[in-house]
Amino acid sequence: MSNDRIVYEAPSKVKAVDGFVDVEGPDDVHVTLSPEAAEETSERLLEGSLQARGQRRLKRFPHREQGD
């Protein structure tokens, strides 16, 4: 993957408005999701965040072949 990506540290703001979910993020991102789409997105975000944390932790350890 490219190293020239922008990584945001601040979480997005989320609120329910008129039966929909508004998400406001950095860089003027604003999306409105149905409740169902918001639920699925939240699950995907959680899964991705857990995988990314694992990748960060495993980076610190040299990988060894089986039998070492």
PDB file of N, CA and C in Angstrom:
ATOM      1  N   MET A   1       0.832  -1.193   0.000  1.00  0.00           N
ATOM      2  CA  MET A   1       0.000   0.000   0.000  1.00  0.00           C
ATOM      3  C   MET A   1       0.868   1.245   0.000  1.00  0.00           C
ATOM      4  N   SER A   2       0.308   2.300  -0.487  1.00  0.00           N
ATOM      5  CA  SER A   2       1.027   3.550  -0.584  1.00  0.00           C
ATOM      6  C   SER A   2       1.215   4.188   0.788  1.00  0.00           C
ATOM      7  N   ASN A   3       2.382   4.791   0.999  1.00  0.00           N
ATOM      8  CA  ASN A   3       2.663   5.459   2.277  1.00  0.00           C
ATOM      9  C   ASN A   3       2.268   6.929   2.247  1.00  0.00           C
ATOM     10  N   ASP A   4       1.700   7.414   1.139  1.00  0.00           N
ATOM     11  CA  ASP A   4       1.360   8.821   1.047  1.00  0.00           C
ATOM     12  C   ASP A   4      -0.092   9.105   1.437  1.00  0.00           C
ATOM     13  N   ARG A   5      -0.726   8.177   2.104  1.00  0.00           N
ATOM     14  CA  ARG A   5      -2.118   8.380   2.531  1.00  0.00           C
ATOM     15  C   ARG A   5      -2.179   9.278   3.763  1.00  0.00           C
ATOM     16  N   ILE A   6      -3.305   9.919   3.930  1.00  0.00           N
ATOM     17  CA  ILE A   6      -3.547  10.769   5.105  1.00  0.00           C
ATOM     18  C   ILE A   6      -4.270   9.919   6.141  1.00  0.00           C
ATOM     19  N   VAL A   7      -3.748   9.901   7.353  1.00  0.00           N
ATOM     20  CA  VAL A   7      -4.364   9.145   8.448  1.00  0.00           C
ATOM     21  C   VAL A   7      -4.907  10.141   9.461  1.00  0.00           C
ATOM     22  N   TYR A   8      -6.192  10.028   9.763  1.00  0.00           N
ATOM     23  CA  TYR A   8      -6.843  10.925  10.714  1.00  0.00           C
ATOM     24  C   TYR A   8      -6.895  10.265  12.084  1.00  0.00           C
ATOM     25  N   GLU A   9      -6.568  11.004  13.100  1.00  0.00           N
ATOM     26  CA  GLU A   9      -6.571  10.500  14.477  1.00  0.00           C
ATOM     27  C   GLU A   9      -7.893  10.774  15.199  1.00  0.00           C
ATOM     28  N   ALA A  10      -8.638  11.766  14.737  1.00  0.00           N
ATOM     29  CA  ALA A  10      -9.891  12.134  15.408  1.00  0.00           C
ATOM     30  C   ALA A  10     -11.034  11.254  14.900  1.00  0.00           C
ATOM     31  N   PRO A  11     -11.867  10.759  15.794  1.00  0.00           N
ATOM     32  CA  PRO A  11     -13.024   9.962  15.363  1.00  0.00           C
ATOM     33  C   PRO A  11     -14.091  10.841  14.713  1.00  0.00           C
ATOM     34  N   SER A  12     -14.924  10.220  13.927  1.00  0.00           N
ATOM     35  CA  SER A  12     -16.044  10.929  13.295  1.00  0.00           C
ATOM     36  C   SER A  12     -17.140  11.206  14.315  1.00  0.00           C
ATOM     37  N   LYS A  13     -17.942  12.224  14.041  1.00  0.00           N
ATOM     38  CA  LYS A  13     -19.109  12.530  14.866  1.00  0.00           C
ATOM     39  C   LYS A  13     -20.305  11.805  14.260  1.00  0.00           C
ATOM     40  N   VAL A  14     -21.129  11.199  15.101  1.00  0.00           N
ATOM     41  CA  VAL A  14     -22.279  10.424  14.631  1.00  0.00           C
ATOM     42  C   VAL A  14     -23.509  10.843  15.422  1.00  0.00           C
ATOM     43  N   LYS A  15     -24.621  11.070  14.703  1.00  0.00           N
ATOM     44  CA  LYS A  15     -25.868  11.387  15.405  1.00  0.00           C
ATOM     45  C   LYS A  15     -27.061  10.899  14.582  1.00  0.00           C
ATOM     46  N   ALA A  16     -28.126  10.571  15.282  1.00  0.00           N
ATOM     47  CA  ALA A  16     -29.372  10.155  14.645  1.00  0.00           C
ATOM     48  C   ALA A  16     -30.211  11.391  14.360  1.00  0.00           C
ATOM     49  N   VAL A  17     -30.696  11.504  13.122  1.00  0.00           N
ATOM     50  CA  VAL A  17     -31.502  12.645  12.708  1.00  0.00           C
ATOM     51  C   VAL A  17     -32.647  12.143  11.835  1.00  0.00           C
ATOM     52  N   ASP A  18     -33.862  12.307  12.298  1.00  0.00           N
ATOM     53  CA  ASP A  18     -35.050  11.958  11.511  1.00  0.00           C
ATOM     54  C   ASP A  18     -35.045  10.513  10.997  1.00  0.00           C
ATOM     55  N   GLY A  19     -34.570   9.585  11.810  1.00  0.00           N
ATOM     56  CA  GLY A  19     -34.586   8.184  11.427  1.00  0.00           C
ATOM     57  C   GLY A  19     -33.418   7.736  10.576  1.00  0.00           C
ATOM     58  N   PHE A  20     -32.432   8.602  10.397  1.00  0.00           N
ATOM     59  CA  PHE A  20     -31.221   8.268   9.656  1.00  0.00           C
ATOM     60  C   PHE A  20     -30.015   8.540  10.540  1.00  0.00           C
ATOM     61  N   VAL A  21     -28.845   8.122  10.098  1.00  0.00           N
ATOM     62  CA  VAL A  21     -27.622   8.332  10.872  1.00  0.00           C
ATOM     63  C   VAL A  21     -26.701   9.245  10.073  1.00  0.00           C
ATOM     64  N   ASP A  22     -26.384  10.397  10.631  1.00  0.00           N
ATOM     65  CA  ASP A  22     -25.456  11.338  10.009  1.00  0.00           C
ATOM     66  C   ASP A  22     -24.062  11.113  10.579  1.00  0.00           C
ATOM     67  N   VAL A  23     -23.097  11.036   9.682  1.00  0.00           N
ATOM     68  CA  VAL A  23     -21.699  10.859  10.065  1.00  0.00           C
ATOM     69  C   VAL A  23     -20.912  12.033   9.499  1.00  0.00           C
ATOM     70  N   GLU A  24     -20.237  12.750  10.384  1.00  0.00           N
ATOM     71  CA  GLU A  24     -19.379  13.856   9.977  1.00  0.00           C
ATOM     72  C   GLU A  24     -17.958  13.521  10.371  1.00  0.00           C
ATOM     73  N   GLY A  25     -17.089  13.508   9.385  1.00  0.00           N
ATOM     74  CA  GLY A  25     -15.700  13.161   9.640  1.00  0.00           C
ATOM     75  C   GLY A  25     -14.764  14.270   9.225  1.00  0.00           C
ATOM     76  N   PRO A  26     -13.488  13.985   9.320  1.00  0.00           N
ATOM     77  CA  PRO A  26     -12.484  14.976   8.931  1.00  0.00           C
ATOM     78  C   PRO A  26     -12.526  15.226   7.420  1.00  0.00           C
ATOM     79  N   ASP A  27     -11.932  16.307   7.011  1.00  0.00           N
ATOM     80  CA  ASP A  27     -11.809  16.651   5.595  1.00  0.00           C
ATOM     81  C   ASP A  27     -13.169  16.857   4.945  1.00  0.00           C
ATOM     82  N   ASP A  28     -14.127  17.404   5.711  1.00  0.00           N
ATOM     83  CA  ASP A  28     -15.477  17.722   5.226  1.00  0.00           C
ATOM     84  C   ASP A  28     -16.270  16.513   4.740  1.00  0.00           C
ATOM     85  N   VAL A  29     -16.000  15.341   5.292  1.00  0.00           N
ATOM     86  CA  VAL A  29     -16.782  14.151   4.954  1.00  0.00           C
ATOM     87  C   VAL A  29     -18.113  14.227   5.696  1.00  0.00           C
ATOM     88  N   HIS A  30     -19.205  14.019   4.973  1.00  0.00           N
ATOM     89  CA  HIS A  30     -20.522  13.988   5.587  1.00  0.00           C
ATOM     90  C   HIS A  30     -21.375  13.010   4.802  1.00  0.00           C
ATOM     91  N   VAL A  31     -21.820  11.954   5.473  1.00  0.00           N
ATOM     92  CA  VAL A  31     -22.695  10.975   4.835  1.00  0.00           C
ATOM     93  C   VAL A  31     -23.905  10.733   5.727  1.00  0.00           C
ATOM     94  N   THR A  32     -25.006  10.379   5.098  1.00  0.00           N
ATOM     95  CA  THR A  32     -26.216   9.992   5.811  1.00  0.00           C
ATOM     96  C   THR A  32     -26.512   8.552   5.450  1.00  0.00           C
ATOM     97  N   LEU A  33     -26.665   7.709   6.474  1.00  0.00           N
ATOM     98  CA  LEU A  33     -26.879   6.282   6.277  1.00  0.00           C
ATOM     99  C   LEU A  33     -28.223   5.865   6.854  1.00  0.00           C
ATOM    100  N   SER A  34     -28.780   4.812   6.282  1.00  0.00           N
ATOM    101  CA  SER A  34     -29.953   4.196   6.907  1.00  0.00           C
ATOM    102  C   SER A  34     -29.472   3.526   8.192  1.00  0.00           C
ATOM    103  N   PRO A  35     -30.358   3.255   9.136  1.00  0.00           N
ATOM    104  CA  PRO A  35     -29.935   2.561  10.355  1.00  0.00           C
ATOM    105  C   PRO A  35     -29.272   1.220  10.044  1.00  0.00           C
ATOM    106  N   GLU A  36     -29.795   0.508   9.058  1.00  0.00           N
ATOM    107  CA  GLU A  36     -29.229  -0.798   8.704  1.00  0.00           C
ATOM    108  C   GLU A  36     -27.815  -0.666   8.132  1.00  0.00           C
ATOM    109  N   ALA A  37     -27.628   0.324   7.264  1.00  0.00           N
ATOM    110  CA  ALA A  37     -26.295   0.545   6.693  1.00  0.00           C
ATOM    111  C   ALA A  37     -25.314   1.003   7.770  1.00  0.00           C
ATOM    112  N   ALA A  38     -25.784   1.811   8.703  1.00  0.00           N
ATOM    113  CA  ALA A  38     -24.919   2.266   9.795  1.00  0.00           C
ATOM    114  C   ALA A  38     -24.492   1.096  10.676  1.00  0.00           C
ATOM    115  N   GLU A  39     -25.413   0.178  10.965  1.00  0.00           N
ATOM    116  CA  GLU A  39     -25.075  -0.993  11.779  1.00  0.00           C
ATOM    117  C   GLU A  39     -24.024  -1.855  11.084  1.00  0.00           C
ATOM    118  N   GLU A  40     -24.217  -2.128   9.805  1.00  0.00           N
ATOM    119  CA  GLU A  40     -23.253  -2.953   9.067  1.00  0.00           C
ATOM    120  C   GLU A  40     -21.900  -2.258   8.971  1.00  0.00           C
ATOM    121  N   THR A  41     -21.918  -0.947   8.735  1.00  0.00           N
ATOM    122  CA  THR A  41     -20.672  -0.185   8.668  1.00  0.00           C
ATOM    123  C   THR A  41     -19.940  -0.226   9.996  1.00  0.00           C
ATOM    124  N   SER A  42     -20.679  -0.120  11.096  1.00  0.00           N
ATOM    125  CA  SER A  42     -20.034  -0.146  12.415  1.00  0.00           C
ATOM    126  C   SER A  42     -19.373  -1.502  12.667  1.00  0.00           C
ATOM    127  N   GLU A  43     -20.022  -2.578  12.240  1.00  0.00           N
ATOM    128  CA  GLU A  43     -19.427  -3.909  12.400  1.00  0.00           C
ATOM    129  C   GLU A  43     -18.167  -4.045  11.555  1.00  0.00           C
ATOM    130  N   ARG A  44     -18.211  -3.535  10.332  1.00  0.00           N
ATOM    131  CA  ARG A  44     -17.031  -3.597   9.462  1.00  0.00           C
ATOM    132  C   ARG A  44     -15.893  -2.749  10.006  1.00  0.00           C
ATOM    133  N   LEU A  45     -16.221  -1.574  10.546  1.00  0.00           N
ATOM    134  CA  LEU A  45     -15.193  -0.726  11.155  1.00  0.00           C
ATOM    135  C   LEU A  45     -14.549  -1.415  12.354  1.00  0.00           C
ATOM    136  N   LEU A  46     -15.368  -2.045  13.193  1.00  0.00           N
ATOM    137  CA  LEU A  46     -14.833  -2.730  14.367  1.00  0.00           C
ATOM    138  C   LEU A  46     -13.917  -3.874  13.944  1.00  0.00           C
ATOM    139  N   GLU A  47     -14.353  -4.673  12.978  1.00  0.00           N
ATOM    140  CA  GLU A  47     -13.522  -5.783  12.508  1.00  0.00           C
ATOM    141  C   GLU A  47     -12.205  -5.272  11.916  1.00  0.00           C
ATOM    142  N   GLY A  48     -12.284  -4.227  11.115  1.00  0.00           N
ATOM    143  CA  GLY A  48     -11.073  -3.659  10.525  1.00  0.00           C
ATOM    144  C   GLY A  48     -10.139  -3.071  11.562  1.00  0.00           C
ATOM    145  N   SER A  49     -10.703  -2.419  12.581  1.00  0.00           N
ATOM    146  CA  SER A  49      -9.852  -1.824  13.624  1.00  0.00           C
ATOM    147  C   SER A  49      -9.143  -2.898  14.435  1.00  0.00           C
ATOM    148  N   LEU A  50      -9.830  -3.995  14.717  1.00  0.00           N
ATOM    149  CA  LEU A  50      -9.192  -5.092  15.454  1.00  0.00           C
ATOM    150  C   LEU A  50      -8.081  -5.744  14.631  1.00  0.00           C
ATOM    151  N   GLN A  51      -8.305  -5.911  13.346  1.00  0.00           N
ATOM    152  CA  GLN A  51      -7.264  -6.463  12.477  1.00  0.00           C
ATOM    153  C   GLN A  51      -6.053  -5.535  12.414  1.00  0.00           C
ATOM    154  N   ALA A  52      -6.307  -4.238  12.308  1.00  0.00           N
ATOM    155  CA  ALA A  52      -5.211  -3.269  12.240  1.00  0.00           C
ATOM    156  C   ALA A  52      -4.401  -3.252  13.535  1.00  0.00           C
ATOM    157  N   ARG A  53      -5.070  -3.351  14.676  1.00  0.00           N
ATOM    158  CA  ARG A  53      -4.341  -3.410  15.953  1.00  0.00           C
ATOM    159  C   ARG A  53      -3.454  -4.653  16.006  1.00  0.00           C
ATOM    160  N   GLY A  54      -3.980  -5.771  15.539  1.00  0.00           N
ATOM    161  CA  GLY A  54      -3.190  -6.998  15.497  1.00  0.00           C
ATOM    162  C   GLY A  54      -1.977  -6.853  14.592  1.00  0.00           C
ATOM    163  N   GLN A  55      -2.166  -6.227  13.439  1.00  0.00           N
ATOM    164  CA  GLN A  55      -1.047  -6.007  12.521  1.00  0.00           C
ATOM    165  C   GLN A  55       0.025  -5.153  13.169  1.00  0.00           C
ATOM    166  N   ARG A  56      -0.385  -4.118  13.890  1.00  0.00           N
ATOM    167  CA  ARG A  56       0.591  -3.262  14.577  1.00  0.00           C
ATOM    168  C   ARG A  56       1.387  -4.062  15.606  1.00  0.00           C
ATOM    169  N   ARG A  57       0.694  -4.894  16.364  1.00  0.00           N
ATOM    170  CA  ARG A  57       1.383  -5.683  17.397  1.00  0.00           C
ATOM    171  C   ARG A  57       2.335  -6.702  16.793  1.00  0.00           C
ATOM    172  N   LEU A  58       1.904  -7.373  15.738  1.00  0.00           N
ATOM    173  CA  LEU A  58       2.752  -8.399  15.117  1.00  0.00           C
ATOM    174  C   LEU A  58       3.969  -7.814  14.413  1.00  0.00           C
ATOM    175  N   LYS A  59       3.894  -6.549  14.020  1.00  0.00           N
ATOM    176  CA  LYS A  59       5.017  -5.893  13.357  1.00  0.00           C
ATOM    177  C   LYS A  59       6.250  -5.843  14.253  1.00  0.00           C
ATOM    178  N   ARG A  60       6.040  -5.807  15.547  1.00  0.00           N
ATOM    179  CA  ARG A  60       7.144  -5.677  16.511  1.00  0.00           C
ATOM    180  C   ARG A  60       7.933  -6.971  16.677  1.00  0.00           C
ATOM    181  N   PHE A  61       7.368  -8.085  16.226  1.00  0.00           N
ATOM    182  CA  PHE A  61       8.014  -9.372  16.437  1.00  0.00           C
ATOM    183  C   PHE A  61       8.503  -9.939  15.113  1.00  0.00           C
ATOM    184  N   PRO A  62       9.749 -10.382  15.086  1.00  0.00           N
ATOM    185  CA  PRO A  62      10.228 -11.014  13.848  1.00  0.00           C
ATOM    186  C   PRO A  62       9.495 -12.335  13.645  1.00  0.00           C
ATOM    187  N   HIS A  63       9.132 -12.604  12.426  1.00  0.00           N
ATOM    188  CA  HIS A  63       8.450 -13.847  12.124  1.00  0.00           C
ATOM    189  C   HIS A  63       9.476 -14.954  11.962  1.00  0.00           C
ATOM    190  N   ARG A  64       9.171 -16.081  12.561  1.00  0.00           N
ATOM    191  CA  ARG A  64      10.058 -17.234  12.463  1.00  0.00           C
ATOM    192  C   ARG A  64       9.347 -18.365  11.760  1.00  0.00           C
ATOM    193  N   GLU A  65      10.119 -19.143  11.031  1.00  0.00           N
ATOM    194  CA  GLU A  65       9.539 -20.304  10.375  1.00  0.00           C
ATOM    195  C   GLU A  65       9.224 -21.370  11.415  1.00  0.00           C
ATOM    196  N   GLN A  66       8.327 -22.274  11.088  1.00  0.00           N
ATOM    197  CA  GLN A  66       7.989 -23.376  11.971  1.00  0.00           C
ATOM    198  C   GLN A  66       9.249 -24.187  12.269  1.00  0.00           C
ATOM    199  N   GLY A  67       9.382 -24.619  13.509  1.00  0.00           N
ATOM    200  CA  GLY A  67      10.516 -25.447  13.898  1.00  0.00           C
ATOM    201  C   GLY A  67      11.694 -24.682  14.465  1.00  0.00           C
ATOM    202  N   ASP A  68      11.665 -23.352  14.443  1.00  0.00           N
ATOM    203  CA  ASP A  68      12.755 -22.554  15.017  1.00  0.00           C
ATOM    204  C   ASP A  68      12.659 -22.488  16.516  1.00  0.00           C
TER     205      ASP A  68
END
